[in-house]
């Protein structure tokens, strides 16, 4: 078994105690491979709501949210809409990606463009 497979099988826990998703870990691997500035993980951007961004570059006001299957549940979907709107109102640019975009490389392509236009 490759070290990447082992790493994905032993995923770290989030601050909330829930495991970090394989999609998030795959994107984190892409970020490191592309030598992009390291993001803050699980960044609290609205302390009054304790909302967290999966990946954030606070100085750039840029965040990435990786939406897996759970984000299709009606209540979660509507909560995500509220969270995204609040982030926009606070001046954040939020890139929302799903598994397809992480796996096919579009997520890292878009992220690189967003980071380089801000630096």
PDB file of N, CA and C in Angstrom:
ATOM      1  N   UNK A   1       0.857  -1.185   0.000  1.00  0.00           N
ATOM      2  CA  UNK A   1       0.000   0.000   0.000  1.00  0.00           C
ATOM      3  C   UNK A   1       0.892   1.234   0.000  1.00  0.00           C
ATOM      4  N   UNK A   2       0.554   2.225  -0.834  1.00  0.00           N
ATOM      5  CA  UNK A   2       1.363   3.439  -0.917  1.00  0.00           C
ATOM      6  C   UNK A   2       1.199   4.278   0.348  1.00  0.00           C
ATOM      7  N   UNK A   3       2.175   5.177   0.569  1.00  0.00           N
ATOM      8  CA  UNK A   3       2.088   6.029   1.751  1.00  0.00           C
ATOM      9  C   UNK A   3       0.892   6.968   1.660  1.00  0.00           C
ATOM     10  N   UNK A   4       0.523   7.390   0.425  1.00  0.00           N
ATOM     11  CA  UNK A   4      -0.661   8.238   0.263  1.00  0.00           C
ATOM     12  C   UNK A   4      -1.907   7.486   0.701  1.00  0.00           C
ATOM     13  N   UNK A   5      -2.023   6.223   0.310  1.00  0.00           N
ATOM     14  CA  UNK A   5      -3.188   5.424   0.711  1.00  0.00           C
ATOM     15  C   UNK A   5      -3.237   5.274   2.219  1.00  0.00           C
ATOM     16  N   UNK A   6      -2.089   5.059   2.844  1.00  0.00           N
ATOM     17  CA  UNK A   6      -2.056   4.939   4.303  1.00  0.00           C
ATOM     18  C   UNK A   6      -2.456   6.254   4.931  1.00  0.00           C
ATOM     19  N   UNK A   7      -1.930   7.381   4.401  1.00  0.00           N
ATOM     20  CA  UNK A   7      -2.284   8.697   4.931  1.00  0.00           C
ATOM     21  C   UNK A   7      -3.790   8.935   4.844  1.00  0.00           C
ATOM     22  N   UNK A   8      -4.399   8.538   3.734  1.00  0.00           N
ATOM     23  CA  UNK A   8      -5.834   8.763   3.562  1.00  0.00           C
ATOM     24  C   UNK A   8      -6.649   7.858   4.472  1.00  0.00           C
ATOM     25  N   UNK A   9      -6.095   6.712   4.835  1.00  0.00           N
ATOM     26  CA  UNK A   9      -6.815   5.810   5.735  1.00  0.00           C
ATOM     27  C   UNK A   9      -6.729   6.266   7.186  1.00  0.00           C
ATOM     28  N   UNK A  10      -5.738   7.054   7.503  1.00  0.00           N
ATOM     29  CA  UNK A  10      -5.555   7.531   8.873  1.00  0.00           C
ATOM     30  C   UNK A  10      -5.740   9.034   8.913  1.00  0.00           C
ATOM     31  N   UNK A  11      -6.881   9.466   8.439  1.00  0.00           N
ATOM     32  CA  UNK A  11      -7.157  10.896   8.337  1.00  0.00           C
ATOM     33  C   UNK A  11      -7.204  11.538   9.715  1.00  0.00           C
ATOM     34  N   UNK A  12      -6.684  12.763   9.817  1.00  0.00           N
ATOM     35  CA  UNK A  12      -6.748  13.470  11.093  1.00  0.00           C
ATOM     36  C   UNK A  12      -8.185  13.871  11.427  1.00  0.00           C
ATOM     37  N   UNK A  13      -8.397  14.237  12.663  1.00  0.00           N
ATOM     38  CA  UNK A  13      -9.706  14.713  13.101  1.00  0.00           C
ATOM     39  C   UNK A  13      -9.753  16.230  12.974  1.00  0.00           C
ATOM     40  N   UNK A  14     -10.938  16.733  12.710  1.00  0.00           N
ATOM     41  CA  UNK A  14     -11.155  18.178  12.707  1.00  0.00           C
ATOM     42  C   UNK A  14     -11.224  18.638  14.159  1.00  0.00           C
ATOM     43  N   UNK A  15     -11.293  19.959  14.329  1.00  0.00           N
ATOM     44  CA  UNK A  15     -11.476  20.512  15.665  1.00  0.00           C
ATOM     45  C   UNK A  15     -12.768  20.004  16.281  1.00  0.00           C
ATOM     46  N   UNK A  16     -13.746  19.739  15.427  1.00  0.00           N
ATOM     47  CA  UNK A  16     -15.044  19.274  15.911  1.00  0.00           C
ATOM     48  C   UNK A  16     -15.016  17.806  16.304  1.00  0.00           C
ATOM     49  N   UNK A  17     -13.906  17.120  15.988  1.00  0.00           N
ATOM     50  CA  UNK A  17     -13.808  15.697  16.298  1.00  0.00           C
ATOM     51  C   UNK A  17     -14.193  14.799  15.140  1.00  0.00           C
ATOM     52  N   UNK A  18     -14.772  15.375  14.092  1.00  0.00           N
ATOM     53  CA  UNK A  18     -15.145  14.587  12.913  1.00  0.00           C
ATOM     54  C   UNK A  18     -13.917  14.396  12.037  1.00  0.00           C
ATOM     55  N   UNK A  19     -13.821  13.273  11.323  1.00  0.00           N
ATOM     56  CA  UNK A  19     -12.650  13.083  10.462  1.00  0.00           C
ATOM     57  C   UNK A  19     -12.644  14.065   9.298  1.00  0.00           C
ATOM     58  N   UNK A  20     -11.460  14.464   8.902  1.00  0.00           N
ATOM     59  CA  UNK A  20     -11.294  15.301   7.720  1.00  0.00           C
ATOM     60  C   UNK A  20     -11.597  14.434   6.507  1.00  0.00           C
ATOM     61  N   UNK A  21     -12.201  15.005   5.495  1.00  0.00           N
ATOM     62  CA  UNK A  21     -12.602  14.219   4.337  1.00  0.00           C
ATOM     63  C   UNK A  21     -11.416  13.866   3.439  1.00  0.00           C
ATOM     64  N   UNK A  22     -11.556  12.761   2.723  1.00  0.00           N
ATOM     65  CA  UNK A  22     -10.532  12.371   1.752  1.00  0.00           C
ATOM     66  C   UNK A  22     -10.384  13.430   0.668  1.00  0.00           C
ATOM     67  N   UNK A  23     -11.497  14.048   0.283  1.00  0.00           N
ATOM     68  CA  UNK A  23     -11.416  15.106  -0.736  1.00  0.00           C
ATOM     69  C   UNK A  23     -10.577  16.280  -0.237  1.00  0.00           C
ATOM     70  N   UNK A  24     -10.765  16.667   1.022  1.00  0.00           N
ATOM     71  CA  UNK A  24      -9.973  17.763   1.576  1.00  0.00           C
ATOM     72  C   UNK A  24      -8.501  17.393   1.632  1.00  0.00           C
ATOM     73  N   UNK A  25      -8.220  16.170   2.032  1.00  0.00           N
ATOM     74  CA  UNK A  25      -6.826  15.738   2.110  1.00  0.00           C
ATOM     75  C   UNK A  25      -6.200  15.655   0.724  1.00  0.00           C
ATOM     76  N   UNK A  26      -6.974  15.265  -0.273  1.00  0.00           N
ATOM     77  CA  UNK A  26      -6.461  15.230  -1.651  1.00  0.00           C
ATOM     78  C   UNK A  26      -6.139  16.641  -2.122  1.00  0.00           C
ATOM     79  N   UNK A  27      -7.039  17.586  -1.847  1.00  0.00           N
ATOM     80  CA  UNK A  27      -6.759  18.971  -2.233  1.00  0.00           C
ATOM     81  C   UNK A  27      -5.549  19.507  -1.474  1.00  0.00           C
ATOM     82  N   UNK A  28      -5.414  19.172  -0.214  1.00  0.00           N
ATOM     83  CA  UNK A  28      -4.243  19.605   0.568  1.00  0.00           C
ATOM     84  C   UNK A  28      -2.959  19.075  -0.066  1.00  0.00           C
ATOM     85  N   UNK A  29      -2.993  17.849  -0.536  1.00  0.00           N
ATOM     86  CA  UNK A  29      -1.841  17.256  -1.218  1.00  0.00           C
ATOM     87  C   UNK A  29      -1.523  18.025  -2.503  1.00  0.00           C
ATOM     88  N   UNK A  30      -2.559  18.397  -3.260  1.00  0.00           N
ATOM     89  CA  UNK A  30      -2.355  19.172  -4.489  1.00  0.00           C
ATOM     90  C   UNK A  30      -1.751  20.546  -4.173  1.00  0.00           C
ATOM     91  N   UNK A  31      -2.231  21.169  -3.101  1.00  0.00           N
ATOM     92  CA  UNK A  31      -1.713  22.487  -2.697  1.00  0.00           C
ATOM     93  C   UNK A  31      -0.221  22.389  -2.386  1.00  0.00           C
ATOM     94  N   UNK A  32       0.161  21.355  -1.636  1.00  0.00           N
ATOM     95  CA  UNK A  32       1.581  21.166  -1.316  1.00  0.00           C
ATOM     96  C   UNK A  32       2.395  20.866  -2.580  1.00  0.00           C
ATOM     97  N   UNK A  33       1.859  20.003  -3.446  1.00  0.00           N
ATOM     98  CA  UNK A  33       2.574  19.626  -4.671  1.00  0.00           C
ATOM     99  C   UNK A  33       2.817  20.834  -5.574  1.00  0.00           C
ATOM    100  N   UNK A  34       1.879  21.766  -5.594  1.00  0.00           N
ATOM    101  CA  UNK A  34       2.010  22.968  -6.421  1.00  0.00           C
ATOM    102  C   UNK A  34       2.800  24.075  -5.723  1.00  0.00           C
ATOM    103  N   UNK A  35       3.223  23.788  -4.481  1.00  0.00           N
ATOM    104  CA  UNK A  35       4.011  24.744  -3.688  1.00  0.00           C
ATOM    105  C   UNK A  35       3.287  26.083  -3.501  1.00  0.00           C
ATOM    106  N   UNK A  36       1.978  25.999  -3.314  1.00  0.00           N
ATOM    107  CA  UNK A  36       1.196  27.192  -3.024  1.00  0.00           C
ATOM    108  C   UNK A  36       1.394  27.577  -1.568  1.00  0.00           C
ATOM    109  N   UNK A  37       1.110  28.822  -1.227  1.00  0.00           N
ATOM    110  CA  UNK A  37       1.229  29.205   0.183  1.00  0.00           C
ATOM    111  C   UNK A  37       0.346  28.295   1.037  1.00  0.00           C
ATOM    112  N   UNK A  38       0.853  27.859   2.185  1.00  0.00           N
ATOM    113  CA  UNK A  38       0.043  26.957   3.010  1.00  0.00           C
ATOM    114  C   UNK A  38      -1.208  27.664   3.546  1.00  0.00           C
ATOM    115  N   UNK A  39      -2.335  26.997   3.449  1.00  0.00           N
ATOM    116  CA  UNK A  39      -3.583  27.590   3.964  1.00  0.00           C
ATOM    117  C   UNK A  39      -3.737  27.324   5.453  1.00  0.00           C
ATOM    118  N   UNK A  40      -4.618  28.073   6.059  1.00  0.00           N
ATOM    119  CA  UNK A  40      -5.077  27.730   7.406  1.00  0.00           C
ATOM    120  C   UNK A  40      -6.244  26.774   7.208  1.00  0.00           C
ATOM    121  N   UNK A  41      -6.244  25.686   7.941  1.00  0.00           N
ATOM    122  CA  UNK A  41      -7.307  24.687   7.817  1.00  0.00           C
ATOM    123  C   UNK A  41      -8.355  24.956   8.891  1.00  0.00           C
ATOM    124  N   UNK A  42      -9.615  24.747   8.538  1.00  0.00           N
ATOM    125  CA  UNK A  42     -10.721  24.924   9.488  1.00  0.00           C
ATOM    126  C   UNK A  42     -10.702  26.328  10.094  1.00  0.00           C
ATOM    127  N   UNK A  43     -10.516  27.320   9.238  1.00  0.00           N
ATOM    128  CA  UNK A  43     -10.397  28.713   9.670  1.00  0.00           C
ATOM    129  C   UNK A  43     -11.758  29.291  10.040  1.00  0.00           C
ATOM    130  N   UNK A  44     -11.860  29.844  11.243  1.00  0.00           N
ATOM    131  CA  UNK A  44     -13.106  30.477  11.699  1.00  0.00           C
ATOM    132  C   UNK A  44     -13.131  31.905  11.161  1.00  0.00           C
ATOM    133  N   UNK A  45     -14.023  32.160  10.206  1.00  0.00           N
ATOM    134  CA  UNK A  45     -14.072  33.479   9.574  1.00  0.00           C
ATOM    135  C   UNK A  45     -15.159  34.356  10.163  1.00  0.00           C
ATOM    136  N   UNK A  46     -16.118  33.782  10.857  1.00  0.00           N
ATOM    137  CA  UNK A  46     -17.205  34.537  11.488  1.00  0.00           C
ATOM    138  C   UNK A  46     -17.370  33.996  12.905  1.00  0.00           C
ATOM    139  N   UNK A  47     -16.572  34.509  13.852  1.00  0.00           N
ATOM    140  CA  UNK A  47     -16.564  33.945  15.203  1.00  0.00           C
ATOM    141  C   UNK A  47     -17.929  33.904  15.889  1.00  0.00           C
ATOM    142  N   UNK A  48     -18.814  34.848  15.561  1.00  0.00           N
ATOM    143  CA  UNK A  48     -20.127  34.843  16.199  1.00  0.00           C
ATOM    144  C   UNK A  48     -20.945  33.619  15.796  1.00  0.00           C
ATOM    145  N   UNK A  49     -20.621  33.005  14.644  1.00  0.00           N
ATOM    146  CA  UNK A  49     -21.326  31.805  14.182  1.00  0.00           C
ATOM    147  C   UNK A  49     -20.459  30.550  14.256  1.00  0.00           C
ATOM    148  N   UNK A  50     -19.163  30.738  14.507  1.00  0.00           N
ATOM    149  CA  UNK A  50     -18.202  29.635  14.555  1.00  0.00           C
ATOM    150  C   UNK A  50     -18.125  28.853  13.249  1.00  0.00           C
ATOM    151  N   UNK A  51     -18.482  29.508  12.153  1.00  0.00           N
ATOM    152  CA  UNK A  51     -18.359  28.882  10.845  1.00  0.00           C
ATOM    153  C   UNK A  51     -16.884  28.731  10.501  1.00  0.00           C
ATOM    154  N   UNK A  52     -16.556  27.641   9.853  1.00  0.00           N
ATOM    155  CA  UNK A  52     -15.184  27.355   9.467  1.00  0.00           C
ATOM    156  C   UNK A  52     -15.090  27.172   7.956  1.00  0.00           C
ATOM    157  N   UNK A  53     -13.977  27.618   7.407  1.00  0.00           N
ATOM    158  CA  UNK A  53     -13.652  27.370   6.006  1.00  0.00           C
ATOM    159  C   UNK A  53     -12.690  26.196   5.971  1.00  0.00           C
ATOM    160  N   UNK A  54     -12.855  25.298   5.005  1.00  0.00           N
ATOM    161  CA  UNK A  54     -11.969  24.146   4.907  1.00  0.00           C
ATOM    162  C   UNK A  54     -10.515  24.578   4.722  1.00  0.00           C
ATOM    163  N   UNK A  55     -10.293  25.530   3.841  1.00  0.00           N
ATOM    164  CA  UNK A  55      -8.966  26.081   3.569  1.00  0.00           C
ATOM    165  C   UNK A  55      -9.124  27.595   3.487  1.00  0.00           C
ATOM    166  N   UNK A  56      -8.205  28.326   4.093  1.00  0.00           N
ATOM    167  CA  UNK A  56      -8.307  29.788   4.041  1.00  0.00           C
ATOM    168  C   UNK A  56      -6.931  30.430   3.982  1.00  0.00           C
ATOM    169  N   UNK A  57      -6.879  31.501   3.251  1.00  0.00           N
ATOM    170  CA  UNK A  57      -5.727  32.379   3.183  1.00  0.00           C
ATOM    171  C   UNK A  57      -6.251  33.737   3.641  1.00  0.00           C
ATOM    172  N   UNK A  58      -6.288  33.965   4.962  1.00  0.00           N
ATOM    173  CA  UNK A  58      -6.926  35.175   5.501  1.00  0.00           C
ATOM    174  C   UNK A  58      -6.362  36.482   4.946  1.00  0.00           C
ATOM    175  N   UNK A  59      -5.054  36.554   4.746  1.00  0.00           N
ATOM    176  CA  UNK A  59      -4.461  37.789   4.221  1.00  0.00           C
ATOM    177  C   UNK A  59      -5.004  38.112   2.828  1.00  0.00           C
ATOM    178  N   UNK A  60      -5.347  37.068   2.073  1.00  0.00           N
ATOM    179  CA  UNK A  60      -5.882  37.246   0.726  1.00  0.00           C
ATOM    180  C   UNK A  60      -7.409  37.292   0.708  1.00  0.00           C
ATOM    181  N   UNK A  61      -8.023  37.053   1.864  1.00  0.00           N
ATOM    182  CA  UNK A  61      -9.486  36.959   1.961  1.00  0.00           C
ATOM    183  C   UNK A  61     -10.013  35.933   0.954  1.00  0.00           C
ATOM    184  N   UNK A  62      -9.331  34.798   0.880  1.00  0.00           N
ATOM    185  CA  UNK A  62      -9.645  33.735  -0.055  1.00  0.00           C
ATOM    186  C   UNK A  62      -9.848  32.438   0.711  1.00  0.00           C
ATOM    187  N   UNK A  63     -10.876  31.697   0.337  1.00  0.00           N
ATOM    188  CA  UNK A  63     -11.160  30.420   1.006  1.00  0.00           C
ATOM    189  C   UNK A  63     -11.629  29.400  -0.017  1.00  0.00           C
ATOM    190  N   UNK A  64     -11.444  28.137   0.342  1.00  0.00           N
ATOM    191  CA  UNK A  64     -11.955  27.034  -0.464  1.00  0.00           C
ATOM    192  C   UNK A  64     -12.819  26.168   0.432  1.00  0.00           C
ATOM    193  N   UNK A  65     -14.000  25.851  -0.053  1.00  0.00           N
ATOM    194  CA  UNK A  65     -14.896  24.911   0.606  1.00  0.00           C
ATOM    195  C   UNK A  65     -15.024  23.687  -0.290  1.00  0.00           C
ATOM    196  N   UNK A  66     -14.734  22.521   0.266  1.00  0.00           N
ATOM    197  CA  UNK A  66     -14.844  21.269  -0.473  1.00  0.00           C
ATOM    198  C   UNK A  66     -16.174  20.635  -0.087  1.00  0.00           C
ATOM    199  N   UNK A  67     -17.071  20.565  -1.037  1.00  0.00           N
ATOM    200  CA  UNK A  67     -18.411  20.043  -0.781  1.00  0.00           C
ATOM    201  C   UNK A  67     -18.490  18.573  -1.175  1.00  0.00           C
ATOM    202  N   UNK A  68     -18.655  17.718  -0.175  1.00  0.00           N
ATOM    203  CA  UNK A  68     -18.848  16.297  -0.420  1.00  0.00           C
ATOM    204  C   UNK A  68     -20.334  15.966  -0.450  1.00  0.00           C
ATOM    205  N   UNK A  69     -20.625  14.702  -0.331  1.00  0.00           N
ATOM    206  CA  UNK A  69     -22.014  14.225  -0.411  1.00  0.00           C
ATOM    207  C   UNK A  69     -22.921  14.849   0.647  1.00  0.00           C
ATOM    208  N   UNK A  70     -22.406  15.080   1.846  1.00  0.00           N
ATOM    209  CA  UNK A  70     -23.240  15.602   2.934  1.00  0.00           C
ATOM    210  C   UNK A  70     -23.823  16.972   2.598  1.00  0.00           C
ATOM    211  N   UNK A  71     -23.182  17.687   1.705  1.00  0.00           N
ATOM    212  CA  UNK A  71     -23.656  19.030   1.361  1.00  0.00           C
ATOM    213  C   UNK A  71     -24.904  18.998   0.481  1.00  0.00           C
ATOM    214  N   UNK A  72     -25.323  17.822   0.071  1.00  0.00           N
ATOM    215  CA  UNK A  72     -26.542  17.694  -0.739  1.00  0.00           C
ATOM    216  C   UNK A  72     -27.789  17.545   0.118  1.00  0.00           C
ATOM    217  N   UNK A  73     -27.609  17.309   1.403  1.00  0.00           N
ATOM    218  CA  UNK A  73     -28.748  17.202   2.321  1.00  0.00           C
ATOM    219  C   UNK A  73     -29.385  18.582   2.428  1.00  0.00           C
ATOM    220  N   UNK A  74     -30.710  18.646   2.350  1.00  0.00           N
ATOM    221  CA  UNK A  74     -31.430  19.914   2.277  1.00  0.00           C
ATOM    222  C   UNK A  74     -31.010  20.918   3.353  1.00  0.00           C
ATOM    223  N   UNK A  75     -31.015  20.516   4.603  1.00  0.00           N
ATOM    224  CA  UNK A  75     -30.666  21.458   5.677  1.00  0.00           C
ATOM    225  C   UNK A  75     -29.228  21.928   5.542  1.00  0.00           C
ATOM    226  N   UNK A  76     -28.328  21.028   5.215  1.00  0.00           N
ATOM    227  CA  UNK A  76     -26.917  21.397   5.059  1.00  0.00           C
ATOM    228  C   UNK A  76     -26.747  22.325   3.862  1.00  0.00           C
ATOM    229  N   UNK A  77     -27.471  22.037   2.796  1.00  0.00           N
ATOM    230  CA  UNK A  77     -27.404  22.861   1.586  1.00  0.00           C
ATOM    231  C   UNK A  77     -27.781  24.299   1.912  1.00  0.00           C
ATOM    232  N   UNK A  78     -28.874  24.490   2.648  1.00  0.00           N
ATOM    233  CA  UNK A  78     -29.332  25.839   2.976  1.00  0.00           C
ATOM    234  C   UNK A  78     -28.411  26.517   3.987  1.00  0.00           C
ATOM    235  N   UNK A  79     -27.849  25.751   4.897  1.00  0.00           N
ATOM    236  CA  UNK A  79     -26.869  26.311   5.835  1.00  0.00           C
ATOM    237  C   UNK A  79     -25.624  26.783   5.081  1.00  0.00           C
ATOM    238  N   UNK A  80     -25.222  26.020   4.068  1.00  0.00           N
ATOM    239  CA  UNK A  80     -24.065  26.401   3.253  1.00  0.00           C
ATOM    240  C   UNK A  80     -24.335  27.694   2.484  1.00  0.00           C
ATOM    241  N   UNK A  81     -25.555  27.864   2.000  1.00  0.00           N
ATOM    242  CA  UNK A  81     -25.917  29.100   1.294  1.00  0.00           C
ATOM    243  C   UNK A  81     -25.767  30.292   2.237  1.00  0.00           C
ATOM    244  N   UNK A  82     -26.265  30.160   3.453  1.00  0.00           N
ATOM    245  CA  UNK A  82     -26.149  31.250   4.434  1.00  0.00           C
ATOM    246  C   UNK A  82     -24.685  31.541   4.760  1.00  0.00           C
ATOM    247  N   UNK A  83     -23.906  30.491   4.974  1.00  0.00           N
ATOM    248  CA  UNK A  83     -22.483  30.640   5.294  1.00  0.00           C
ATOM    249  C   UNK A  83     -21.754  31.345   4.146  1.00  0.00           C
ATOM    250  N   UNK A  84     -22.020  30.929   2.920  1.00  0.00           N
ATOM    251  CA  UNK A  84     -21.365  31.527   1.759  1.00  0.00           C
ATOM    252  C   UNK A  84     -21.756  33.001   1.614  1.00  0.00           C
ATOM    253  N   UNK A  85     -23.021  33.308   1.789  1.00  0.00           N
ATOM    254  CA  UNK A  85     -23.477  34.698   1.693  1.00  0.00           C
ATOM    255  C   UNK A  85     -22.793  35.568   2.746  1.00  0.00           C
ATOM    256  N   UNK A  86     -22.693  35.053   3.960  1.00  0.00           N
ATOM    257  CA  UNK A  86     -22.039  35.815   5.038  1.00  0.00           C
ATOM    258  C   UNK A  86     -20.581  36.068   4.703  1.00  0.00           C
ATOM    259  N   UNK A  87     -19.901  35.042   4.177  1.00  0.00           N
ATOM    260  CA  UNK A  87     -18.498  35.213   3.798  1.00  0.00           C
ATOM    261  C   UNK A  87     -18.355  36.302   2.734  1.00  0.00           C
ATOM    262  N   UNK A  88     -19.229  36.284   1.732  1.00  0.00           N
ATOM    263  CA  UNK A  88     -19.185  37.304   0.686  1.00  0.00           C
ATOM    264  C   UNK A  88     -19.423  38.695   1.255  1.00  0.00           C
ATOM    265  N   UNK A  89     -20.371  38.807   2.166  1.00  0.00           N
ATOM    266  CA  UNK A  89     -20.659  40.102   2.786  1.00  0.00           C
ATOM    267  C   UNK A  89     -19.483  40.621   3.607  1.00  0.00           C
ATOM    268  N   UNK A  90     -18.670  39.698   4.117  1.00  0.00           N
ATOM    269  CA  UNK A  90     -17.483  40.079   4.881  1.00  0.00           C
ATOM    270  C   UNK A  90     -16.260  40.321   3.986  1.00  0.00           C
ATOM    271  N   UNK A  91     -16.443  40.166   2.669  1.00  0.00           N
ATOM    272  CA  UNK A  91     -15.365  40.464   1.744  1.00  0.00           C
ATOM    273  C   UNK A  91     -14.538  39.271   1.279  1.00  0.00           C
ATOM    274  N   UNK A  92     -14.954  38.058   1.623  1.00  0.00           N
ATOM    275  CA  UNK A  92     -14.228  36.858   1.231  1.00  0.00           C
ATOM    276  C   UNK A  92     -14.592  36.435  -0.186  1.00  0.00           C
ATOM    277  N   UNK A  93     -13.620  35.862  -0.876  1.00  0.00           N
ATOM    278  CA  UNK A  93     -13.858  35.131  -2.114  1.00  0.00           C
ATOM    279  C   UNK A  93     -13.826  33.663  -1.716  1.00  0.00           C
ATOM    280  N   UNK A  94     -14.904  32.944  -2.012  1.00  0.00           N
ATOM    281  CA  UNK A  94     -14.999  31.539  -1.627  1.00  0.00           C
ATOM    282  C   UNK A  94     -15.130  30.693  -2.886  1.00  0.00           C
ATOM    283  N   UNK A  95     -14.171  29.813  -3.069  1.00  0.00           N
ATOM    284  CA  UNK A  95     -14.201  28.855  -4.169  1.00  0.00           C
ATOM    285  C   UNK A  95     -14.815  27.567  -3.632  1.00  0.00           C
ATOM    286  N   UNK A  96     -15.976  27.197  -4.181  1.00  0.00           N
ATOM    287  CA  UNK A  96     -16.641  25.952  -3.764  1.00  0.00           C
ATOM    288  C   UNK A  96     -16.378  24.899  -4.823  1.00  0.00           C
ATOM    289  N   UNK A  97     -15.857  23.762  -4.378  1.00  0.00           N
ATOM    290  CA  UNK A  97     -15.530  22.674  -5.299  1.00  0.00           C
ATOM    291  C   UNK A  97     -16.102  21.366  -4.764  1.00  0.00           C
ATOM    292  N   UNK A  98     -16.335  20.462  -5.674  1.00  0.00           N
ATOM    293  CA  UNK A  98     -16.790  19.126  -5.311  1.00  0.00           C
ATOM    294  C   UNK A  98     -15.719  18.101  -5.635  1.00  0.00           C
ATOM    295  N   UNK A  99     -16.067  16.854  -5.432  1.00  0.00           N
ATOM    296  CA  UNK A  99     -15.127  15.774  -5.667  1.00  0.00           C
ATOM    297  C   UNK A  99     -14.617  15.714  -7.089  1.00  0.00           C
ATOM    298  N   UNK A 100     -15.490  15.932  -8.045  1.00  0.00           N
ATOM    299  CA  UNK A 100     -15.086  15.878  -9.452  1.00  0.00           C
ATOM    300  C   UNK A 100     -13.984  16.901  -9.732  1.00  0.00           C
ATOM    301  N   UNK A 101     -14.162  18.120  -9.227  1.00  0.00           N
ATOM    302  CA  UNK A 101     -13.190  19.187  -9.487  1.00  0.00           C
ATOM    303  C   UNK A 101     -11.855  18.932  -8.769  1.00  0.00           C
ATOM    304  N   UNK A 102     -11.925  18.335  -7.585  1.00  0.00           N
ATOM    305  CA  UNK A 102     -10.685  17.996  -6.878  1.00  0.00           C
ATOM    306  C   UNK A 102      -9.943  16.910  -7.648  1.00  0.00           C
ATOM    307  N   UNK A 103     -10.667  15.858  -8.022  1.00  0.00           N
ATOM    308  CA  UNK A 103     -10.034  14.711  -8.683  1.00  0.00           C
ATOM    309  C   UNK A 103      -9.506  15.029 -10.086  1.00  0.00           C
ATOM    310  N   UNK A 104     -10.220  15.856 -10.860  1.00  0.00           N
ATOM    311  CA  UNK A 104      -9.781  16.101 -12.237  1.00  0.00           C
ATOM    312  C   UNK A 104      -8.808  17.281 -12.369  1.00  0.00           C
ATOM    313  N   UNK A 105      -8.473  17.924 -11.257  1.00  0.00           N
ATOM    314  CA  UNK A 105      -7.478  18.988 -11.282  1.00  0.00           C
ATOM    315  C   UNK A 105      -8.016  20.383 -11.481  1.00  0.00           C
ATOM    316  N   UNK A 106      -9.318  20.518 -11.745  1.00  0.00           N
ATOM    317  CA  UNK A 106      -9.877  21.867 -11.918  1.00  0.00           C
ATOM    318  C   UNK A 106      -9.764  22.688 -10.633  1.00  0.00           C
ATOM    319  N   UNK A 107      -9.987  22.073  -9.490  1.00  0.00           N
ATOM    320  CA  UNK A 107      -9.946  22.812  -8.214  1.00  0.00           C
ATOM    321  C   UNK A 107      -8.588  23.474  -8.013  1.00  0.00           C
ATOM    322  N   UNK A 108      -7.513  22.716  -8.204  1.00  0.00           N
ATOM    323  CA  UNK A 108      -6.184  23.302  -7.987  1.00  0.00           C
ATOM    324  C   UNK A 108      -5.865  24.322  -9.073  1.00  0.00           C
ATOM    325  N   UNK A 109      -6.332  24.100 -10.277  1.00  0.00           N
ATOM    326  CA  UNK A 109      -6.126  25.066 -11.373  1.00  0.00           C
ATOM    327  C   UNK A 109      -6.793  26.404 -11.024  1.00  0.00           C
ATOM    328  N   UNK A 110      -8.047  26.335 -10.604  1.00  0.00           N
ATOM    329  CA  UNK A 110      -8.771  27.560 -10.236  1.00  0.00           C
ATOM    330  C   UNK A 110      -8.121  28.241  -9.036  1.00  0.00           C
ATOM    331  N   UNK A 111      -7.733  27.436  -8.047  1.00  0.00           N
ATOM    332  CA  UNK A 111      -7.129  27.989  -6.842  1.00  0.00           C
ATOM    333  C   UNK A 111      -5.818  28.696  -7.155  1.00  0.00           C
ATOM    334  N   UNK A 112      -4.989  28.085  -7.988  1.00  0.00           N
ATOM    335  CA  UNK A 112      -3.727  28.729  -8.383  1.00  0.00           C
ATOM    336  C   UNK A 112      -3.993  30.081  -9.023  1.00  0.00           C
ATOM    337  N   UNK A 113      -4.965  30.149  -9.915  1.00  0.00           N
ATOM    338  CA  UNK A 113      -5.288  31.416 -10.579  1.00  0.00           C
ATOM    339  C   UNK A 113      -5.733  32.462  -9.562  1.00  0.00           C
ATOM    340  N   UNK A 114      -6.575  32.066  -8.618  1.00  0.00           N
ATOM    341  CA  UNK A 114      -7.057  33.015  -7.605  1.00  0.00           C
ATOM    342  C   UNK A 114      -5.928  33.511  -6.708  1.00  0.00           C
ATOM    343  N   UNK A 115      -5.042  32.611  -6.308  1.00  0.00           N
ATOM    344  CA  UNK A 115      -3.930  33.012  -5.444  1.00  0.00           C
ATOM    345  C   UNK A 115      -2.975  33.929  -6.185  1.00  0.00           C
ATOM    346  N   UNK A 116      -2.603  33.565  -7.399  1.00  0.00           N
ATOM    347  CA  UNK A 116      -1.622  34.364  -8.121  1.00  0.00           C
ATOM    348  C   UNK A 116      -2.183  35.725  -8.519  1.00  0.00           C
ATOM    349  N   UNK A 117      -3.470  35.852  -8.718  1.00  0.00           N
ATOM    350  CA  UNK A 117      -3.998  37.195  -9.052  1.00  0.00           C
ATOM    351  C   UNK A 117      -4.040  38.097  -7.822  1.00  0.00           C
ATOM    352  N   UNK A 118      -3.934  37.518  -6.625  1.00  0.00           N
ATOM    353  CA  UNK A 118      -3.972  38.303  -5.386  1.00  0.00           C
ATOM    354  C   UNK A 118      -2.585  38.546  -4.787  1.00  0.00           C
ATOM    355  N   UNK A 119      -1.565  37.922  -5.348  1.00  0.00           N
ATOM    356  CA  UNK A 119      -0.225  38.103  -4.763  1.00  0.00           C
ATOM    357  C   UNK A 119       0.683  38.872  -5.702  1.00  0.00           C
TER     358      UNK A 119
END
